[in-house]
C-alpha atoms as a PDB file:
ATOM      1  CA  MET A   1       0.006  -0.012  -0.012  1.00  0.00           C
ATOM      2  CA  LYS A   2       1.399   3.403  -1.009  1.00  0.00           C
ATOM      3  CA  CYS A   3       1.532   6.098   1.668  1.00  0.00           C
ATOM      4  CA  PRO A   4      -0.856   9.020   0.779  1.00  0.00           C
ATOM      5  CA  SER A   5       1.567  11.454   2.396  1.00  0.00           C
ATOM      6  CA  CYS A   6       5.026  10.583   1.147  1.00  0.00           C
ATOM      7  CA  HIS A   7       4.153   7.951  -1.535  1.00  0.00           C
ATOM      8  CA  HIS A   8       6.556   5.370  -0.008  1.00  0.00           C
ATOM      9  CA  ASN A   9       5.554   1.869  -1.026  1.00  0.00           C
ATOM     10  CA  GLY A  10       5.743   0.235   2.445  1.00  0.00           C
ATOM     11  CA  THR A  11       3.114   0.417   5.180  1.00  0.00           C
ATOM     12  CA  ARG A  12       2.251  -1.812   8.092  1.00  0.00           C
ATOM     13  CA  VAL A  13      -1.161  -2.606   9.507  1.00  0.00           C
ATOM     14  CA  LEU A  14      -1.724  -1.428  13.076  1.00  0.00           C
ATOM     15  CA  ASP A  15      -5.286  -2.589  13.559  1.00  0.00           C
ATOM     16  CA  SER A  16      -7.968  -4.469  11.619  1.00  0.00           C
ATOM     17  CA  ARG A  17     -11.610  -4.795  12.434  1.00  0.00           C
ATOM     18  CA  PRO A  18     -14.735  -5.911  10.605  1.00  0.00           C
ATOM     19  CA  VAL A  19     -17.351  -3.275   9.674  1.00  0.00           C
ATOM     20  CA  ASP A  20     -20.596  -3.172   7.703  1.00  0.00           C
ATOM     21  CA  GLU A  21     -21.904  -6.416   9.232  1.00  0.00           C
ATOM     22  CA  GLY A  22     -18.678  -8.239   8.438  1.00  0.00           C
ATOM     23  CA  ARG A  23     -18.794  -7.413   4.693  1.00  0.00           C
ATOM     24  CA  SER A  24     -15.669  -5.199   4.857  1.00  0.00           C
ATOM     25  CA  ILE A  25     -12.533  -4.679   6.925  1.00  0.00           C
ATOM     26  CA  ARG A  26     -11.305  -1.377   8.268  1.00  0.00           C
ATOM     27  CA  ARG A  27      -7.484  -1.246   8.620  1.00  0.00           C
ATOM     28  CA  ARG A  28      -5.396   1.398  10.434  1.00  0.00           C
ATOM     29  CA  ARG A  29      -2.000   1.632   8.625  1.00  0.00           C
ATOM     30  CA  GLU A  30       1.253   3.425   9.274  1.00  0.00           C
ATOM     31  CA  CYS A  31       3.876   4.384   6.738  1.00  0.00           C
ATOM     32  CA  GLU A  32       7.264   2.688   7.428  1.00  0.00           C
ATOM     33  CA  GLN A  33       9.127   5.760   6.231  1.00  0.00           C
ATOM     34  CA  CYS A  34       7.281   8.945   7.434  1.00  0.00           C
ATOM     35  CA  HIS A  35       5.052   7.282  10.129  1.00  0.00           C
ATOM     36  CA  TYR A  36       1.950   8.903   8.669  1.00  0.00           C
ATOM     37  CA  ARG A  37      -1.173   7.048   9.853  1.00  0.00           C
ATOM     38  CA  PHE A  38      -4.239   6.451   7.666  1.00  0.00           C
ATOM     39  CA  THR A  39      -7.306   4.173   7.329  1.00  0.00           C
ATOM     40  CA  THR A  40      -8.174   1.851   4.471  1.00  0.00           C
ATOM     41  CA  PHE A  41     -11.243  -0.264   3.817  1.00  0.00           C
ATOM     42  CA  GLU A  42     -11.218  -3.657   2.119  1.00  0.00           C
ATOM     43  CA  LYS A  43     -14.417  -5.339   0.818  1.00  0.00           C
ATOM     44  CA  VAL A  44     -15.452  -8.038  -1.534  1.00  0.00           C
ATOM     45  CA  GLU A  45     -16.257  -6.755  -4.968  1.00  0.00           C
ATOM     46  CA  GLU A  46     -19.786  -7.755  -5.752  1.00  0.00           C
ATOM     47  CA  MET A  47     -21.081  -8.047  -9.294  1.00  0.00           C
ATOM     48  CA  PRO A  48     -23.670  -5.417 -10.028  1.00  0.00           C
ATOM     49  CA  LEU A  49     -27.204  -6.661  -9.827  1.00  0.00           C
ATOM     50  CA  ILE A  50     -29.690  -4.995 -12.135  1.00  0.00           C
ATOM     51  CA  VAL A  51     -33.475  -4.941 -11.494  1.00  0.00           C
ATOM     52  CA  VAL A  52     -35.674  -5.086 -14.564  1.00  0.00           C
ATOM     53  CA  LYS A  53     -38.858  -3.160 -13.764  1.00  0.00           C
ATOM     54  CA  LYS A  54     -42.372  -4.099 -15.068  1.00  0.00           C
ATOM     55  CA  GLU A  55     -42.213  -1.365 -17.782  1.00  0.00           C
ATOM     56  CA  GLY A  56     -38.803  -2.607 -18.964  1.00  0.00           C
ATOM     57  CA  THR A  57     -36.579   0.061 -17.340  1.00  0.00           C
ATOM     58  CA  ARG A  58     -33.477  -1.063 -15.469  1.00  0.00           C
ATOM     59  CA  GLU A  59     -31.955   0.152 -12.236  1.00  0.00           C
ATOM     60  CA  GLU A  60     -29.311  -0.989  -9.877  1.00  0.00           C
ATOM     61  CA  PHE A  61     -30.451  -3.305  -7.031  1.00  0.00           C
ATOM     62  CA  SER A  62     -31.110  -1.495  -3.764  1.00  0.00           C
ATOM     63  CA  ARG A  63     -31.455  -3.378  -0.489  1.00  0.00           C
ATOM     64  CA  ASP A  64     -32.649  -0.152   1.093  1.00  0.00           C
ATOM     65  CA  LYS A  65     -35.733  -0.073  -1.197  1.00  0.00           C
ATOM     66  CA  ILE A  66     -36.703  -3.543   0.053  1.00  0.00           C
ATOM     67  CA  LEU A  67     -36.115  -2.566   3.651  1.00  0.00           C
ATOM     68  CA  ARG A  68     -38.183   0.608   3.238  1.00  0.00           C
ATOM     69  CA  GLY A  69     -41.031  -1.334   1.721  1.00  0.00           C
ATOM     70  CA  LEU A  70     -40.988  -3.825   4.621  1.00  0.00           C
ATOM     71  CA  ILE A  71     -40.832  -1.064   7.203  1.00  0.00           C
ATOM     72  CA  LYS A  72     -43.819   0.669   5.576  1.00  0.00           C
ATOM     73  CA  ALA A  73     -45.825  -2.592   5.472  1.00  0.00           C
ATOM     74  CA  CYS A  74     -45.035  -3.335   9.108  1.00  0.00           C
ATOM     75  CA  GLU A  75     -45.872   0.148  10.410  1.00  0.00           C
ATOM     76  CA  LYS A  76     -47.644  -0.153  13.734  1.00  0.00           C
ATOM     77  CA  ARG A  77     -47.189  -3.973  13.703  1.00  0.00           C
ATOM     78  CA  PRO A  78     -45.263  -5.992  16.284  1.00  0.00           C
ATOM     79  CA  VAL A  79     -42.336  -6.790  13.974  1.00  0.00           C
ATOM     80  CA  ALA A  80     -38.814  -5.966  15.026  1.00  0.00           C
ATOM     81  CA  LEU A  81     -36.504  -3.997  12.724  1.00  0.00           C
ATOM     82  CA  GLU A  82     -33.894  -6.672  13.090  1.00  0.00           C
ATOM     83  CA  GLN A  83     -36.319  -9.181  11.604  1.00  0.00           C
ATOM     84  CA  LEU A  84     -36.935  -6.954   8.587  1.00  0.00           C
ATOM     85  CA  GLU A  85     -33.181  -6.420   8.153  1.00  0.00           C
ATOM     86  CA  HIS A  86     -32.704 -10.191   8.281  1.00  0.00           C
ATOM     87  CA  ILE A  87     -35.359 -10.696   5.541  1.00  0.00           C
ATOM     88  CA  THR A  88     -33.620  -8.053   3.407  1.00  0.00           C
ATOM     89  CA  GLN A  89     -30.213  -9.720   3.831  1.00  0.00           C
ATOM     90  CA  GLU A  90     -31.720 -13.114   3.105  1.00  0.00           C
ATOM     91  CA  ILE A  91     -33.239 -11.898  -0.158  1.00  0.00           C
ATOM     92  CA  GLU A  92     -30.113 -10.105  -1.271  1.00  0.00           C
ATOM     93  CA  LYS A  93     -27.965 -13.138  -0.508  1.00  0.00           C
ATOM     94  CA  GLU A  94     -30.353 -15.449  -2.461  1.00  0.00           C
ATOM     95  CA  LEU A  95     -30.379 -13.070  -5.454  1.00  0.00           C
ATOM     96  CA  ARG A  96     -26.603 -12.786  -5.562  1.00  0.00           C
ATOM     97  CA  ASN A  97     -26.195 -16.543  -5.167  1.00  0.00           C
ATOM     98  CA  ARG A  98     -28.212 -17.042  -8.366  1.00  0.00           C
ATOM     99  CA  GLY A  99     -25.228 -15.661 -10.301  1.00  0.00           C
ATOM    100  CA  VAL A 100     -27.322 -13.667 -12.762  1.00  0.00           C
ATOM    101  CA  ALA A 101     -26.752 -10.033 -13.669  1.00  0.00           C
ATOM    102  CA  GLU A 102     -30.432  -9.121 -14.049  1.00  0.00           C
ATOM    103  CA  ILE A 103     -33.430  -9.983 -12.005  1.00  0.00           C
ATOM    104  CA  LYS A 104     -37.099  -9.047 -12.543  1.00  0.00           C
ATOM    105  CA  SER A 105     -38.734  -6.816 -10.009  1.00  0.00           C
ATOM    106  CA  GLU A 106     -41.641  -9.296  -9.886  1.00  0.00           C
ATOM    107  CA  THR A 107     -39.273 -11.989  -8.580  1.00  0.00           C
ATOM    108  CA  ILE A 108     -38.085  -9.718  -5.800  1.00  0.00           C
ATOM    109  CA  GLY A 109     -41.661  -8.781  -4.858  1.00  0.00           C
ATOM    110  CA  GLU A 110     -42.706 -12.411  -4.622  1.00  0.00           C
ATOM    111  CA  MET A 111     -39.681 -13.209  -2.512  1.00  0.00           C
ATOM    112  CA  VAL A 112     -40.614 -10.362  -0.116  1.00  0.00           C
ATOM    113  CA  MET A 113     -44.279 -11.486   0.028  1.00  0.00           C
ATOM    114  CA  GLU A 114     -43.349 -15.097   0.662  1.00  0.00           C
ATOM    115  CA  ARG A 115     -41.190 -14.177   3.723  1.00  0.00           C
ATOM    116  CA  LEU A 116     -43.604 -11.448   4.944  1.00  0.00           C
ATOM    117  CA  SER A 117     -46.525 -13.911   4.955  1.00  0.00           C
ATOM    118  CA  LYS A 118     -44.650 -15.935   7.586  1.00  0.00           C
ATOM    119  CA  VAL A 119     -43.891 -12.930   9.758  1.00  0.00           C
ATOM    120  CA  ASP A 120     -47.126 -10.924   9.909  1.00  0.00           C
ATOM    121  CA  GLU A 121     -50.354 -11.449   7.874  1.00  0.00           C
ATOM    122  CA  VAL A 122     -51.450  -7.815   8.167  1.00  0.00           C
ATOM    123  CA  ALA A 123     -48.115  -6.604   6.882  1.00  0.00           C
ATOM    124  CA  TYR A 124     -48.292  -9.168   4.088  1.00  0.00           C
ATOM    125  CA  VAL A 125     -51.710  -7.912   2.958  1.00  0.00           C
ATOM    126  CA  ARG A 126     -50.521  -4.337   3.105  1.00  0.00           C
ATOM    127  CA  PHE A 127     -47.417  -5.113   1.008  1.00  0.00           C
ATOM    128  CA  ALA A 128     -49.417  -7.271  -1.434  1.00  0.00           C
ATOM    129  CA  SER A 129     -52.065  -4.561  -1.911  1.00  0.00           C
ATOM    130  CA  VAL A 130     -49.417  -2.029  -2.983  1.00  0.00           C
ATOM    131  CA  TYR A 131     -47.225  -4.514  -4.873  1.00  0.00           C
ATOM    132  CA  ARG A 132     -49.996  -6.217  -6.782  1.00  0.00           C
ATOM    133  CA  GLN A 133     -51.991  -3.013  -7.197  1.00  0.00           C
ATOM    134  CA  PHE A 134     -55.356  -4.539  -6.458  1.00  0.00           C
ATOM    135  CA  LYS A 135     -57.847  -3.117  -8.908  1.00  0.00           C
ATOM    136  CA  ASP A 136     -60.965  -3.822  -6.855  1.00  0.00           C
ATOM    137  CA  LEU A 137     -62.234  -5.461  -3.701  1.00  0.00           C
ATOM    138  CA  ASN A 138     -62.730  -8.890  -5.371  1.00  0.00           C
ATOM    139  CA  VAL A 139     -59.042  -9.228  -6.205  1.00  0.00           C
ATOM    140  CA  PHE A 140     -58.276  -8.218  -2.608  1.00  0.00           C
ATOM    141  CA  ILE A 141     -60.676 -10.844  -1.273  1.00  0.00           C
ATOM    142  CA  GLU A 142     -59.110 -13.535  -3.514  1.00  0.00           C
ATOM    143  CA  GLU A 143     -55.727 -12.738  -2.064  1.00  0.00           C
ATOM    144  CA  LEU A 144     -57.118 -13.079   1.480  1.00  0.00           C
ATOM    145  CA  LYS A 145     -58.659 -16.452   0.578  1.00  0.00           C
ATOM    146  CA  GLU A 146     -55.288 -17.677  -0.684  1.00  0.00           C
ATOM    147  CA  LEU A 147     -53.683 -16.540   2.594  1.00  0.00           C
ATOM    148  CA  ILE A 148     -56.299 -18.362   4.579  1.00  0.00           C
ATOM    149  CA  LYS A 149     -55.741 -21.527   2.474  1.00  0.00           C
ATOM    150  CA  LYS A 150     -51.998 -21.380   3.113  1.00  0.00           C
ATOM    151  CA  GLU A 151     -52.670 -20.914   6.900  1.00  0.00           C
ATOM    152  CA  GLN A 152     -54.827 -24.049   6.995  1.00  0.00           C
ATOM    153  CA  HIS A 153     -52.199 -26.258   5.383  1.00  0.00           C
END
């Protein structure tokens, strides 16, 4: 590692610690020549994941969008934020493990609904009503019937 102060090519690591939930490492370094101290971060390079929206547009995957949707669906419900963060991490991990560069937004929505139905039924219905854009009450009732069927099995 090159020193940012004197550009000498030798530094030593003073301290290393995991950050960002263990996905990267923070290192304190010191130049062997001028003794300048600085911090570096090391993380795994992840391949970009592109989400293909319903209308065909593309955007970079955002775990924050999933988490915000879950938080909104679980507003005033007895669901811990840690549980929602875990669901978000689980979905991102599964998507990245597929090894594909593009994923349909519908696939992500279905993954969210599948996990949310096991956590809180009211939150599931809230999310589904926005995600599936229920056109009328009959479609909404059909979704509730499906949920009840799953509950009985």
